[in-house]
Protein backbone atom coordinates (compact mmCIF):
# COMPACT_ATOMS: atom_id res chain seq x y z
CA UNK A 1 92.27 100.34 66.72
CA UNK A 2 95.10 98.73 64.75
CA UNK A 3 94.62 95.35 63.06
CA UNK A 4 97.29 93.69 65.24
CA UNK A 5 95.50 94.81 68.39
CA UNK A 6 92.15 93.52 67.11
CA UNK A 7 93.75 90.14 66.40
CA UNK A 8 95.33 90.08 69.86
CA UNK A 9 91.97 90.85 71.48
CA UNK A 10 90.33 88.10 69.41
CA UNK A 11 92.94 85.58 70.58
CA UNK A 12 92.46 86.74 74.17
CA UNK A 13 88.69 86.21 73.93
CA UNK A 14 89.24 82.74 72.47
CA UNK A 15 91.64 81.81 75.29
CA UNK A 16 89.19 83.13 77.87
CA UNK A 17 86.41 81.02 76.32
CA UNK A 18 88.64 77.92 76.44
CA UNK A 19 89.47 78.67 80.08
CA UNK A 20 85.77 78.84 80.99
CA UNK A 21 84.63 75.94 78.80
CA UNK A 22 84.93 73.10 81.39
CA UNK A 23 82.21 74.75 83.48
CA UNK A 24 79.79 74.56 80.55
CA UNK A 25 80.90 71.25 79.07
CA UNK A 26 81.09 69.27 82.31
CA UNK A 27 78.28 70.96 84.23
CA UNK A 28 77.82 69.34 87.64
CA UNK A 29 80.72 67.00 86.90
CA UNK A 30 83.07 69.99 86.96
CA UNK A 31 85.58 70.44 89.77
CA UNK A 32 85.41 73.78 91.54
CA UNK A 33 86.71 75.27 94.76
CA UNK A 34 85.40 73.75 98.02
CA UNK A 35 86.81 76.19 100.61
CA UNK A 36 84.61 79.24 101.07
CA UNK A 37 82.62 78.19 98.05
CA UNK A 38 80.90 74.79 97.99
CA UNK A 39 81.25 74.47 101.77
CA UNK A 40 79.36 77.72 102.28
CA UNK A 41 78.28 80.30 99.72
CA UNK A 42 76.70 78.05 97.10
CA UNK A 43 74.63 76.35 99.78
CA UNK A 44 73.71 79.76 101.25
CA UNK A 45 72.23 80.90 97.94
CA UNK A 46 70.24 77.68 97.72
CA UNK A 47 68.94 78.00 101.28
CA UNK A 48 68.06 81.67 100.83
CA UNK A 49 66.10 81.29 97.60
CA UNK A 50 64.29 78.21 98.94
CA UNK A 51 63.38 79.96 102.21
CA UNK A 52 61.00 82.49 100.67
CA UNK A 53 62.84 85.22 102.59
CA UNK A 54 64.83 86.67 99.70
CA UNK A 55 63.08 89.99 100.30
CA UNK A 56 62.41 89.23 103.95
CA UNK A 57 62.28 92.08 106.49
CA UNK A 58 65.29 93.20 108.50
CA UNK A 59 64.32 91.01 111.46
CA UNK A 60 63.42 87.92 109.41
CA UNK A 61 65.06 84.57 110.15
CA UNK A 62 65.85 81.48 108.06
CA UNK A 63 64.51 78.50 110.07
CA UNK A 64 66.49 75.92 108.09
CA UNK A 65 69.75 76.99 109.76
CA UNK A 66 70.52 77.00 113.52
CA UNK A 67 66.83 77.17 114.44
CA UNK A 68 66.57 80.61 112.90
CA UNK A 69 69.59 82.27 111.32
CA UNK A 70 69.04 86.03 110.88
CA UNK A 71 68.13 86.84 107.28
CA UNK A 72 70.80 89.57 107.27
CA UNK A 73 73.54 86.92 107.57
CA UNK A 74 72.88 85.98 103.93
CA UNK A 75 73.50 89.47 102.60
CA UNK A 76 71.55 91.67 100.25
CA UNK A 77 68.87 90.60 97.79
CA UNK A 78 70.23 93.17 95.34
CA UNK A 79 73.39 91.19 94.61
CA UNK A 80 73.71 89.89 91.07
CA UNK A 81 75.11 86.54 92.13
CA UNK A 82 72.13 85.91 94.41
CA UNK A 83 69.82 86.43 91.45
CA UNK A 84 71.84 84.12 89.23
CA UNK A 85 71.38 81.38 91.81
CA UNK A 86 67.72 82.25 92.20
CA UNK A 87 67.07 82.00 88.46
CA UNK A 88 69.34 79.13 87.41
CA UNK A 89 70.54 75.77 88.73
CA UNK A 90 73.56 76.23 90.99
CA UNK A 91 76.21 75.05 88.54
CA UNK A 92 74.78 77.10 85.66
CA UNK A 93 74.71 80.16 87.92
CA UNK A 94 78.32 79.50 88.92
CA UNK A 95 79.46 79.24 85.29
CA UNK A 96 77.64 82.45 84.35
CA UNK A 97 79.13 84.29 87.33
CA UNK A 98 82.63 83.18 86.40
CA UNK A 99 82.05 84.37 82.84
CA UNK A 100 80.65 87.77 83.82
CA UNK A 101 83.49 88.40 86.27
CA UNK A 102 86.33 87.41 83.99
CA UNK A 103 84.97 89.20 80.93
CA UNK A 104 84.58 92.48 82.80
CA UNK A 105 87.95 91.99 84.49
CA UNK A 106 89.52 91.85 81.03
CA UNK A 107 87.55 94.83 79.74
CA UNK A 108 88.31 96.90 82.82
CA UNK A 109 92.07 96.32 82.82
CA UNK A 110 92.27 96.86 79.08
CA UNK A 111 90.41 100.18 79.24
CA UNK A 112 92.48 101.31 82.21
CA UNK A 113 95.78 100.60 80.47
CA UNK A 114 94.73 102.02 77.11
CA UNK A 115 93.23 105.24 78.48
CA UNK A 116 95.46 106.10 81.42
CA UNK A 117 98.72 104.13 81.50
CA UNK A 118 99.85 102.60 78.20
CA UNK A 119 98.07 104.41 75.34
CA UNK A 120 100.84 104.01 72.73
CA UNK A 121 100.07 101.85 69.69
CA UNK A 122 103.18 99.71 70.15
CA UNK A 123 102.04 98.75 73.65
CA UNK A 124 99.05 96.75 72.39
CA UNK A 125 100.58 93.36 73.21
CA UNK A 126 101.27 94.39 76.80
CA UNK A 127 97.77 95.88 77.17
CA UNK A 128 96.00 92.80 75.90
CA UNK A 129 98.33 90.23 77.50
CA UNK A 130 98.32 91.81 80.96
CA UNK A 131 94.53 92.25 80.81
CA UNK A 132 94.01 88.60 79.91
CA UNK A 133 96.37 87.48 82.66
CA UNK A 134 94.50 89.61 85.18
CA UNK A 135 91.18 88.13 84.02
CA UNK A 136 92.48 84.58 84.59
CA UNK A 137 93.53 85.06 88.21
CA UNK A 138 91.84 82.52 90.54
CA UNK A 139 89.66 84.98 92.44
CA UNK A 140 87.30 84.06 95.30
CA UNK A 141 84.12 83.07 93.40
CA UNK A 142 81.47 84.78 95.54
CA UNK A 143 83.50 87.98 95.54
CA UNK A 144 82.31 88.56 91.96
CA UNK A 145 83.85 91.85 90.77
CA UNK A 146 84.90 92.91 94.26
CA UNK A 147 88.56 92.72 93.27
CA UNK A 148 88.52 91.98 89.55
CA UNK A 149 86.20 94.93 88.94
CA UNK A 150 88.59 97.46 90.45
CA UNK A 151 90.40 98.32 87.19
CA UNK A 152 87.06 99.10 85.53
CA UNK A 153 86.16 101.37 88.46
CA UNK A 154 89.59 103.00 88.41
CA UNK A 155 89.23 103.69 84.68
CA UNK A 156 85.97 105.50 85.45
CA UNK A 157 87.35 107.45 88.40
CA UNK A 158 90.54 108.58 86.64
CA UNK A 159 88.56 109.68 83.59
CA UNK A 160 86.17 111.66 85.79
CA UNK A 161 89.15 113.09 87.68
CA UNK A 162 90.60 114.38 84.39
CA UNK A 163 87.28 115.98 83.46
CA UNK A 164 86.86 113.78 80.38
CA UNK A 165 84.00 111.55 81.48
CA UNK A 166 80.92 110.60 79.48
CA UNK A 167 77.78 108.88 80.70
CA UNK A 168 79.59 105.53 80.42
CA UNK A 169 81.96 106.19 83.33
CA UNK A 170 79.11 107.28 85.59
CA UNK A 171 77.02 104.27 84.59
CA UNK A 172 79.89 101.93 85.55
CA UNK A 173 80.01 103.46 89.04
CA UNK A 174 76.27 102.93 89.48
CA UNK A 175 76.10 99.36 88.12
CA UNK A 176 79.29 97.83 89.55
CA UNK A 177 77.94 97.73 93.14
CA UNK A 178 75.23 95.32 92.01
CA UNK A 179 77.92 92.75 91.17
CA UNK A 180 80.51 93.39 93.85
CA UNK A 181 80.83 93.48 97.62
CA UNK A 182 81.47 96.60 99.67
CA UNK A 183 83.18 94.86 102.60
CA UNK A 184 85.11 92.38 100.43
CA UNK A 185 86.79 94.88 98.18
CA UNK A 186 85.24 98.21 97.39
CA UNK A 187 85.32 99.75 100.86
CA UNK A 188 89.10 99.63 100.56
CA UNK A 189 89.12 100.76 96.94
CA UNK A 190 86.88 103.75 97.69
CA UNK A 191 89.06 104.64 100.66
CA UNK A 192 92.02 104.73 98.26
CA UNK A 193 90.04 106.98 95.90
CA UNK A 194 89.20 109.31 98.80
CA UNK A 195 92.91 109.52 99.67
CA UNK A 196 93.69 110.35 96.03
CA UNK A 197 91.09 113.14 96.11
CA UNK A 198 92.59 114.42 99.38
CA UNK A 199 96.05 114.40 97.78
CA UNK A 200 94.71 116.55 94.93
CA UNK A 201 93.39 119.01 97.49
CA UNK A 202 96.65 119.22 99.44
CA UNK A 203 99.26 118.94 96.66
CA UNK A 204 97.48 120.36 93.61
CA UNK A 205 95.19 122.73 95.54
CA UNK A 206 92.32 121.33 93.46
CA UNK A 207 88.88 120.73 94.95
CA UNK A 208 87.81 118.34 92.22
CA UNK A 209 84.08 118.18 92.98
CA UNK A 210 83.09 115.84 90.10
CA UNK A 211 85.71 113.38 91.35
CA UNK A 212 84.48 113.77 94.93
CA UNK A 213 80.90 113.36 93.72
CA UNK A 214 81.82 110.14 91.92
CA UNK A 215 83.29 108.70 95.12
CA UNK A 216 80.21 109.77 97.08
CA UNK A 217 77.88 108.35 94.42
CA UNK A 218 79.44 104.90 94.32
CA UNK A 219 79.68 104.77 98.12
CA UNK A 220 76.01 105.73 98.43
CA UNK A 221 74.92 103.06 95.95
CA UNK A 222 76.91 100.43 97.84
CA UNK A 223 75.44 101.45 101.20
CA UNK A 224 71.93 101.41 99.77
CA UNK A 225 72.44 97.94 98.31
CA UNK A 226 74.09 96.65 101.48
CA UNK A 227 71.41 98.13 103.75
CA UNK A 228 71.17 94.88 105.71
CA UNK A 229 74.87 95.00 106.55
CA UNK A 230 74.66 98.68 107.48
CA UNK A 231 71.72 97.98 109.77
CA UNK A 232 73.49 95.04 111.42
CA UNK A 233 76.66 97.08 112.05
CA UNK A 234 75.02 100.31 113.16
CA UNK A 235 71.69 99.33 114.69
CA UNK A 236 72.19 95.69 115.60
CA UNK A 237 71.35 95.23 119.28
CA UNK A 238 72.03 91.52 119.79
CA UNK A 239 75.72 90.56 120.07
CA UNK A 240 76.93 88.34 117.25
CA UNK A 241 79.65 85.74 116.94
CA UNK A 242 81.95 88.44 115.59
CA UNK A 243 82.02 90.11 119.01
CA UNK A 244 84.27 87.30 120.22
CA UNK A 245 86.75 87.48 117.37
CA UNK A 246 90.36 87.55 118.56
CA UNK A 247 92.43 88.33 115.48
CA UNK A 248 95.41 90.20 116.95
CA UNK A 249 97.57 87.49 118.48
CA UNK A 250 100.77 87.44 116.43
CA UNK A 251 104.15 88.55 117.72
CA UNK A 252 106.18 91.19 115.89
CA UNK A 253 108.44 88.53 114.35
CA UNK A 254 105.43 86.48 113.21
CA UNK A 255 103.98 89.59 111.55
CA UNK A 256 107.25 90.13 109.68
CA UNK A 257 107.12 86.52 108.49
CA UNK A 258 103.49 86.93 107.41
CA UNK A 259 104.39 90.13 105.54
CA UNK A 260 106.89 88.33 103.33
CA UNK A 261 104.67 85.27 102.96
CA UNK A 262 101.83 87.45 101.69
CA UNK A 263 104.18 89.50 99.49
CA UNK A 264 105.69 86.40 97.90
CA UNK A 265 102.72 84.02 97.75
CA UNK A 266 99.54 86.09 98.10
CA UNK A 267 96.33 85.12 99.91
CA UNK A 268 93.73 82.44 99.22
CA UNK A 269 90.91 84.95 98.67
CA UNK A 270 92.93 87.18 96.34
CA UNK A 271 95.29 84.77 94.64
CA UNK A 272 97.52 86.62 92.21
CA UNK A 273 99.85 83.76 91.19
CA UNK A 274 102.63 86.29 90.78
CA UNK A 275 105.57 84.53 92.41
CA UNK A 276 107.42 82.88 89.55
CA UNK A 277 107.06 85.28 86.62
CA UNK A 278 105.63 88.62 87.69
CA UNK A 279 107.77 89.15 90.79
CA UNK A 280 111.12 88.68 89.00
CA UNK A 281 109.95 91.00 86.21
CA UNK A 282 108.95 93.63 88.78
CA UNK A 283 112.36 93.50 90.45
CA UNK A 284 114.24 93.72 87.14
CA UNK A 285 112.15 96.73 86.15
CA UNK A 286 112.64 98.22 89.60
CA UNK A 287 116.40 98.60 89.08
CA UNK A 288 115.88 100.06 85.62
CA UNK A 289 113.22 102.46 86.92
CA UNK A 290 115.45 103.85 89.66
CA UNK A 291 117.66 105.48 87.05
CA UNK A 292 114.68 107.31 85.50
CA UNK A 293 112.48 107.73 88.55
CA UNK A 294 111.42 111.25 87.58
CA UNK A 295 109.77 110.13 84.34
CA UNK A 296 106.02 109.45 84.40
CA UNK A 297 106.11 105.75 83.54
CA UNK A 298 108.86 104.93 86.01
CA UNK A 299 107.32 107.11 88.73
CA UNK A 300 103.99 105.30 88.46
CA UNK A 301 105.72 101.93 88.40
CA UNK A 302 107.74 102.71 91.54
CA UNK A 303 104.65 103.95 93.39
CA UNK A 304 102.79 100.70 92.68
CA UNK A 305 105.91 98.65 93.42
CA UNK A 306 106.16 100.15 96.91
CA UNK A 307 102.40 100.07 97.46
CA UNK A 308 102.38 96.33 96.79
CA UNK A 309 104.75 95.73 99.70
CA UNK A 310 102.97 98.25 101.94
CA UNK A 311 99.67 96.41 101.45
CA UNK A 312 101.27 93.11 102.50
CA UNK A 313 102.77 94.79 105.55
CA UNK A 314 99.43 96.33 106.53
CA UNK A 315 97.72 92.94 106.14
CA UNK A 316 100.23 91.15 108.35
CA UNK A 317 100.48 93.76 111.09
CA UNK A 318 96.72 94.05 111.45
CA UNK A 319 97.06 90.78 113.38
CA UNK A 320 99.80 92.11 115.68
CA UNK A 321 98.88 91.40 119.29
CA UNK A 322 99.65 94.97 120.29
CA UNK A 323 96.43 96.07 118.58
CA UNK A 324 94.18 93.88 120.72
CA UNK A 325 93.51 96.35 123.58
CA UNK A 326 92.39 98.93 121.01
CA UNK A 327 90.20 96.37 119.23
CA UNK A 328 88.58 95.42 122.52
CA UNK A 329 87.79 99.08 123.20
CA UNK A 330 86.37 99.78 119.73
CA UNK A 331 84.31 96.76 118.66
CA UNK A 332 84.20 97.81 114.99
CA UNK A 333 87.92 97.11 114.75
CA UNK A 334 87.12 93.53 115.76
CA UNK A 335 83.96 92.94 113.77
CA UNK A 336 85.20 94.54 110.52
CA UNK A 337 88.35 93.16 108.89
CA UNK A 338 90.44 96.21 108.02
CA UNK A 339 93.31 93.89 107.00
CA UNK A 340 91.55 93.55 103.66
CA UNK A 341 93.23 96.58 102.19
CA UNK A 342 95.43 93.89 100.66
CA UNK A 343 92.45 93.05 98.43
CA UNK A 344 93.78 95.91 96.29
CA UNK A 345 96.81 93.80 95.43
CA UNK A 346 95.51 91.94 92.34
CA UNK A 347 94.92 95.24 90.55
CA UNK A 348 98.14 96.76 91.88
CA UNK A 349 100.30 93.77 90.93
CA UNK A 350 98.94 93.28 87.40
CA UNK A 351 98.92 96.99 86.65
CA UNK A 352 102.51 97.18 87.85
CA UNK A 353 103.34 94.10 85.77
CA UNK A 354 102.11 95.90 82.64
CA UNK A 355 104.19 98.98 83.48
CA UNK A 356 107.24 96.80 84.19
CA UNK A 357 106.91 95.16 80.76
CA UNK A 358 106.70 98.60 79.17
CA UNK A 359 109.89 99.65 80.98
CA UNK A 360 111.64 96.57 79.59
CA UNK A 361 110.21 97.26 76.13
CA UNK A 362 111.78 100.70 76.11
CA UNK A 363 115.26 99.23 76.63
CA UNK A 364 115.61 97.84 73.13
CA UNK A 365 115.23 94.69 71.09
CA UNK A 366 116.84 92.27 73.57
CA UNK A 367 114.43 93.19 76.35
CA UNK A 368 111.52 93.42 73.92
CA UNK A 369 111.94 89.70 73.30
CA UNK A 370 111.42 89.10 77.03
CA UNK A 371 107.96 90.72 77.01
CA UNK A 372 105.97 88.10 75.00
CA UNK A 373 107.85 85.30 76.78
CA UNK A 374 106.93 86.69 80.20
CA UNK A 375 103.30 87.12 79.18
CA UNK A 376 103.13 83.60 77.73
CA UNK A 377 104.69 82.03 80.82
CA UNK A 378 102.32 83.88 83.14
CA UNK A 379 99.32 82.81 81.08
CA UNK A 380 100.52 79.19 81.11
CA UNK A 381 100.86 79.25 84.90
CA UNK A 382 97.42 80.79 85.28
CA UNK A 383 96.04 78.16 82.92
CA UNK A 384 97.33 75.52 85.32
CA UNK A 385 95.32 77.19 88.07
CA UNK A 386 92.10 76.63 86.14
CA UNK A 387 89.67 75.10 88.64
CA UNK A 388 89.08 71.97 86.59
CA UNK A 389 92.80 71.27 86.30
CA UNK A 390 93.81 72.32 89.78
CA UNK A 391 91.06 70.66 91.81
CA UNK A 392 90.93 67.51 89.69
CA UNK A 393 94.68 67.04 90.15
CA UNK A 394 94.52 67.42 93.94
CA UNK A 395 91.59 65.00 94.08
CA UNK A 396 88.78 67.33 95.11
CA UNK A 397 85.25 66.02 94.49
CA UNK A 398 83.20 67.34 91.62
CA UNK A 399 80.12 69.45 92.28
CA UNK A 400 77.86 66.41 91.89
CA UNK A 401 80.06 64.21 94.08
CA UNK A 402 80.27 66.85 96.80
CA UNK A 403 76.58 67.68 97.19
CA UNK A 404 75.50 64.07 96.51
CA UNK A 405 71.84 64.93 95.92
CA UNK A 406 70.85 61.37 95.04
CA UNK A 407 72.45 59.98 98.20
CA UNK A 408 70.89 62.54 100.52
CA UNK A 409 67.52 62.08 98.87
CA UNK A 410 67.77 58.41 99.87
CA UNK A 411 68.48 59.48 103.45
CA UNK A 412 65.54 61.88 103.43
CA UNK A 413 63.21 59.16 102.14
CA UNK A 414 64.51 56.67 104.68
CA UNK A 415 63.81 59.06 107.56
CA UNK A 416 60.39 59.61 106.03
CA UNK A 417 59.40 62.78 107.89
CA UNK A 418 59.09 66.41 106.78
CA UNK A 419 62.59 67.87 106.89
CA UNK A 420 61.33 70.82 108.92
CA UNK A 421 60.21 68.51 111.73
CA UNK A 422 63.69 67.50 112.90
CA UNK A 423 67.23 68.87 113.05
CA UNK A 424 70.48 67.26 111.95
CA UNK A 425 74.20 67.87 112.29
CA UNK A 426 77.21 66.49 110.42
CA UNK A 427 80.51 64.92 111.47
CA UNK A 428 83.43 64.56 109.07
CA UNK A 429 81.72 66.51 106.29
CA UNK A 430 80.50 70.06 105.83
CA UNK A 431 76.98 70.91 107.06
CA UNK A 432 76.52 72.89 103.84
CA UNK A 433 75.91 69.55 102.11
CA UNK A 434 72.92 68.77 104.31
CA UNK A 435 71.69 72.36 103.95
CA UNK A 436 71.96 72.22 100.16
CA UNK A 437 69.82 69.09 100.24
CA UNK A 438 67.08 70.72 102.28
CA UNK A 439 67.87 69.40 105.77
CA UNK A 440 67.42 71.68 108.78
CA UNK A 441 70.77 71.88 110.54
CA UNK A 442 71.97 72.86 114.00
CA UNK A 443 75.48 73.28 112.61
CA UNK A 444 76.56 75.75 109.96
CA UNK A 445 79.30 77.90 108.49
CA UNK A 446 78.33 81.58 108.43
CA UNK A 447 80.04 84.95 108.73
CA UNK A 448 77.96 85.97 111.71
CA UNK A 449 75.09 84.65 113.81
CA UNK A 450 73.75 85.33 117.33
CA UNK A 451 76.40 85.04 120.03
CA UNK A 452 73.84 83.35 122.28
CA UNK A 453 73.60 80.47 119.79
CA UNK A 454 77.36 80.06 119.76
CA UNK A 455 77.36 79.66 123.54
CA UNK A 456 74.41 77.28 123.41
CA UNK A 457 75.98 75.08 120.72
CA UNK A 458 79.30 75.09 122.56
CA UNK A 459 77.73 73.01 125.33
CA UNK A 460 77.37 70.16 122.82
CA UNK A 461 81.06 70.12 121.86
CA UNK A 462 82.68 71.45 125.08
CA UNK A 463 84.47 68.17 125.96
CA UNK A 464 85.82 67.77 122.42
CA UNK A 465 87.14 71.34 122.48
CA UNK A 466 88.84 70.68 125.81
CA UNK A 467 90.75 67.82 124.18
CA UNK A 468 92.19 70.06 121.46
CA UNK A 469 93.68 73.53 122.17
CA UNK A 470 93.70 74.15 118.42
CA UNK A 471 89.96 73.51 118.03
CA UNK A 472 89.18 75.39 121.23
CA UNK A 473 90.99 78.49 120.01
CA UNK A 474 89.45 78.07 116.54
CA UNK A 475 85.90 77.97 117.87
CA UNK A 476 86.14 80.37 120.80
CA UNK A 477 88.14 83.10 119.07
CA UNK A 478 86.65 82.81 115.60
CA UNK A 479 83.68 80.47 115.53
CA UNK A 480 82.29 80.95 112.02
CA UNK A 481 82.32 77.18 111.70
CA UNK A 482 79.69 75.94 114.13
CA UNK A 483 80.54 72.27 113.64
CA UNK A 484 80.30 69.06 115.65
CA UNK A 485 84.06 69.06 116.15
CA UNK A 486 85.95 65.91 116.99
CA UNK A 487 89.44 66.16 118.43
CA UNK A 488 90.30 62.92 116.63
CA UNK A 489 89.33 64.39 113.26
CA UNK A 490 90.70 67.88 113.84
CA UNK A 491 89.96 70.55 111.25
CA UNK A 492 89.24 68.01 108.54
CA UNK A 493 85.74 67.82 107.13
CA UNK A 494 86.29 65.75 103.99
CA UNK A 495 86.42 62.07 105.00
CA UNK A 496 85.35 60.11 101.95
CA UNK A 497 83.97 56.61 101.57
CA UNK A 498 87.49 55.37 100.82
CA UNK A 499 88.70 56.55 104.24
CA UNK A 500 89.43 54.09 107.05
CA UNK A 501 89.21 56.74 109.74
CA UNK A 502 87.10 56.05 112.83
CA UNK A 503 86.14 58.11 115.88
CA UNK A 504 86.85 56.06 118.97
CA UNK A 505 85.95 58.51 121.72
CA UNK A 506 83.37 61.06 120.63
CA UNK A 507 82.41 63.13 123.68
CA UNK A 508 79.50 65.28 122.61
CA UNK A 509 76.55 66.16 124.82
CA UNK A 510 73.67 64.45 123.04
CA UNK A 511 71.25 65.61 125.75
CA UNK A 512 71.82 69.27 124.81
CA UNK A 513 71.80 68.29 121.13
CA UNK A 514 68.35 66.76 121.58
CA UNK A 515 67.09 69.72 123.62
CA UNK A 516 67.97 71.99 120.69
CA UNK A 517 65.88 69.83 118.36
CA UNK A 518 68.66 67.58 117.13
CA UNK A 519 67.50 64.14 116.09
CA UNK A 520 69.96 62.75 113.56
CA UNK A 521 73.72 62.90 112.95
CA UNK A 522 75.22 62.40 109.50
CA UNK A 523 78.75 61.07 109.94
CA UNK A 524 81.22 60.26 107.17
CA UNK A 525 83.14 57.99 109.57
CA UNK A 526 81.94 55.35 112.01
CA UNK A 527 81.55 56.45 115.65
CA UNK A 528 82.81 53.53 117.71
CA UNK A 529 81.41 54.67 121.06
CA UNK A 530 77.99 55.59 119.68
CA UNK A 531 76.04 53.58 122.26
CA UNK A 532 77.87 55.18 125.18
CA UNK A 533 76.78 58.66 124.07
CA UNK A 534 73.22 57.51 123.28
CA UNK A 535 73.49 57.32 119.52
CA UNK A 536 71.97 54.46 117.54
CA UNK A 537 73.23 53.57 114.06
CA UNK A 538 70.22 53.28 111.78
CA UNK A 539 71.80 52.62 108.39
CA UNK A 540 74.75 53.44 106.14
CA UNK A 541 74.30 55.07 102.74
CA UNK A 542 76.62 55.11 99.74
CA UNK A 543 76.37 55.27 95.96
CA UNK A 544 78.61 55.67 92.92
CA UNK A 545 77.68 59.34 92.36
CA UNK A 546 78.93 60.47 95.75
CA UNK A 547 82.31 60.55 97.49
CA UNK A 548 80.62 60.01 100.86
CA UNK A 549 79.55 57.04 102.90
CA UNK A 550 77.05 58.38 105.41
CA UNK A 551 76.49 56.71 108.75
CA UNK A 552 73.05 57.79 109.91
CA UNK A 553 72.80 57.99 113.69
CA UNK A 554 69.71 58.76 115.73
CA UNK A 555 69.81 60.29 119.20
CA UNK A 556 68.10 57.97 121.65
């Protein structure tokens, strides 16, 4: 390795350390993502490890959630992120997970570019810069290496495909599944690898058995690790909430709109932040590549360029209403989200970005000057998407403010009974907060749960759903959020102590709530008609460490 490349890698490591530093310096005062993170997954890990059912049997339940949430809803015990949260405090586990993911994202993209795409010495700046940019993308935290680990896996597969593998490539394929998700990334990646193998058979007339064996090996490891998911999909007898999913409801024109929205802006779970720098670079390189489309570099670039758009199109048209009759006939099409082939896009976009920069580099000194500028601008933009910067600027609560352990400990002590002896639900704030603090909740946010519970809980909120077509469609045709919805609050679950919002007409069925074991309601806003629906305000709770003011209501 040349000295310049070693220096570039050293700078990249330093920048990565700076990027991650707020998580370690600020600890629980750090600001991190709420959506599909603090409102769900982090609390799930806490509930699971506290339940004693980490290694529970297939038919085990977690009594803290919805009077017995199936253990399988929390996923496998062989996931690395679960063990981080089992061994360390939540915020330490989160920081370690972010570090592991981003470090291996950098290593994987760097190895992929150096070995298979941009091996030339003069390409070192592009290799290192594009790898660092890829490692800084704001991925979905609990996805781990589900998307950011794909370049590392592709490096292994392509090396095996060429017949040049050592034990390292095979080890990567065995270990990666322990820190990635099959359904949230690698099912789609392995499908792409299977198509590549099939292409070799048809076009090259090569039955590459080591390559096929590698695909089979990694798939087998994933299925073994995700045995709970496999059991639930294949042998599950009780209908789950996913059986009522209605995802295909967009018109053709709406799907076209969604295609371009996804292509231009990306998706919240696989944010690529590619709009302002990468996309223009790709289009400039596209016109240059057309003139040399038979050369290897340009051919690979054009393939990825087209694939990027195809993935956005597939994502959007998976929700086309014309698919619904087929999805109703084959339940797997409803319960499994095949739209997630677009989870390949982070790897595709950043790999294509590196190739585009190489195409520009080849065009002489003027375009060579563009390369470091483009890399620097992209890194600056990604730096602005650092969780601490992004979520502090938009006013999100810190970890400590969100979970408010001191405040909810006061509530627990005020109630003065074992938490397992009563059930609670939340209004105007996420039930994950109560769950994180040890309360047994009738409400929850989970990927799947018994369909019978959904119908039972619906009786509590039926009148509120009738007031709001949006909430009714949201719950009936999706339903992962089993919340005490209020039509007056809508899909807003973050009313802080500074809010002046009130619920004037809350029409929930407290009789059914009580029959299900419900005793208390934690509300972040006052309920003005509490007496009419047989709720009694016991006390309000607030402190300087929390963003909430909790109105504690008891069902009479």
